Amino acid sequence: MVKTLEQAIVQLSRLPDADQEQIGRKLLSHVEKLNALRAEIDKGIRSLDAGKGSALDIEDFLSRKKSGHGGV
């Protein structure tokens, strides 16, 4: 374990149990999100390596995002 995480755990152990539980749940959620993101990135890299990628017109992409079509 890296030194910073070890220090954080020492500090965390000094907090009340309820706070430790809440922080632990948030940390686990964050780690799960990171793992899912890494899996998606790996999937994308494998797709590109297999030649399944295509060119992206960034101006068109940004325009569509700004107009709300296919957007977030």
Protein backbone atom coordinates (compact mmCIF):
# COMPACT_ATOMS: atom_id res chain seq x y z
CA MET A 1 0.00 0.00 0.00
CA VAL A 2 1.30 3.47 -0.78
CA LYS A 3 2.37 5.70 2.06
CA THR A 4 -0.34 8.32 1.48
CA LEU A 5 -3.12 5.73 1.67
CA GLU A 6 -1.58 4.24 4.81
CA GLN A 7 -1.54 7.69 6.41
CA ALA A 8 -5.16 8.28 5.42
CA ILE A 9 -6.21 4.96 6.96
CA VAL A 10 -4.44 5.84 10.22
CA GLN A 11 -6.30 9.15 10.32
CA LEU A 12 -9.56 7.45 9.39
CA SER A 13 -9.18 4.93 12.21
CA ARG A 14 -9.33 7.81 14.69
CA LEU A 15 -12.78 8.89 13.52
CA PRO A 16 -16.09 7.63 14.93
CA ASP A 17 -17.37 4.38 13.43
CA ALA A 18 -20.22 6.08 11.56
CA ASP A 19 -17.78 8.43 9.82
CA GLN A 20 -15.48 5.54 8.97
CA GLU A 21 -18.40 3.63 7.46
CA GLN A 22 -19.51 6.61 5.37
CA ILE A 23 -16.00 7.30 4.09
CA GLY A 24 -15.46 3.61 3.39
CA ARG A 25 -18.65 3.43 1.29
CA LYS A 26 -17.62 6.53 -0.68
CA LEU A 27 -14.12 5.15 -1.26
CA LEU A 28 -15.47 1.80 -2.45
CA SER A 29 -17.87 3.55 -4.81
CA HIS A 30 -15.02 5.64 -6.22
CA VAL A 31 -12.83 2.56 -6.73
CA GLU A 32 -15.70 0.74 -8.47
CA LYS A 33 -16.17 3.69 -10.83
CA LEU A 34 -12.44 3.77 -11.59
CA ASN A 35 -12.43 0.04 -12.31
CA ALA A 36 -15.43 0.38 -14.64
CA LEU A 37 -13.78 3.30 -16.44
CA ARG A 38 -10.54 1.34 -16.87
CA ALA A 39 -12.51 -1.60 -18.27
CA GLU A 40 -14.23 0.67 -20.80
CA ILE A 41 -10.91 2.23 -21.80
CA ASP A 42 -9.38 -1.24 -22.26
CA LYS A 43 -12.39 -2.25 -24.35
CA GLY A 44 -11.96 0.83 -26.53
CA ILE A 45 -8.25 0.21 -26.98
CA ARG A 46 -8.91 -3.40 -28.02
CA SER A 47 -11.50 -2.15 -30.51
CA LEU A 48 -9.04 0.35 -31.98
CA ASP A 49 -6.30 -2.27 -32.10
CA ALA A 50 -8.69 -4.52 -34.05
CA GLY A 51 -9.16 -1.76 -36.63
CA LYS A 52 -12.74 -1.00 -35.65
CA GLY A 53 -12.14 2.72 -35.10
CA SER A 54 -13.29 5.50 -37.39
CA ALA A 55 -12.35 9.12 -37.92
CA LEU A 56 -14.09 11.68 -35.75
CA ASP A 57 -15.09 15.10 -37.02
CA ILE A 58 -14.55 16.98 -33.77
CA GLU A 59 -16.29 20.14 -34.98
CA ASP A 60 -19.42 18.16 -35.90
CA PHE A 61 -19.28 16.28 -32.59
CA LEU A 62 -19.03 19.50 -30.57
CA SER A 63 -21.75 21.15 -32.61
CA ARG A 64 -24.14 18.26 -31.95
CA LYS A 65 -23.31 18.31 -28.23
CA LYS A 66 -23.95 22.03 -28.02
CA SER A 67 -27.28 21.75 -29.85
CA GLY A 68 -28.44 18.98 -27.51
CA HIS A 69 -28.63 16.20 -30.10
CA GLY A 70 -27.10 12.97 -28.87
CA GLY A 71 -25.89 14.93 -25.93
CA VAL A 72 -25.46 14.47 -22.27
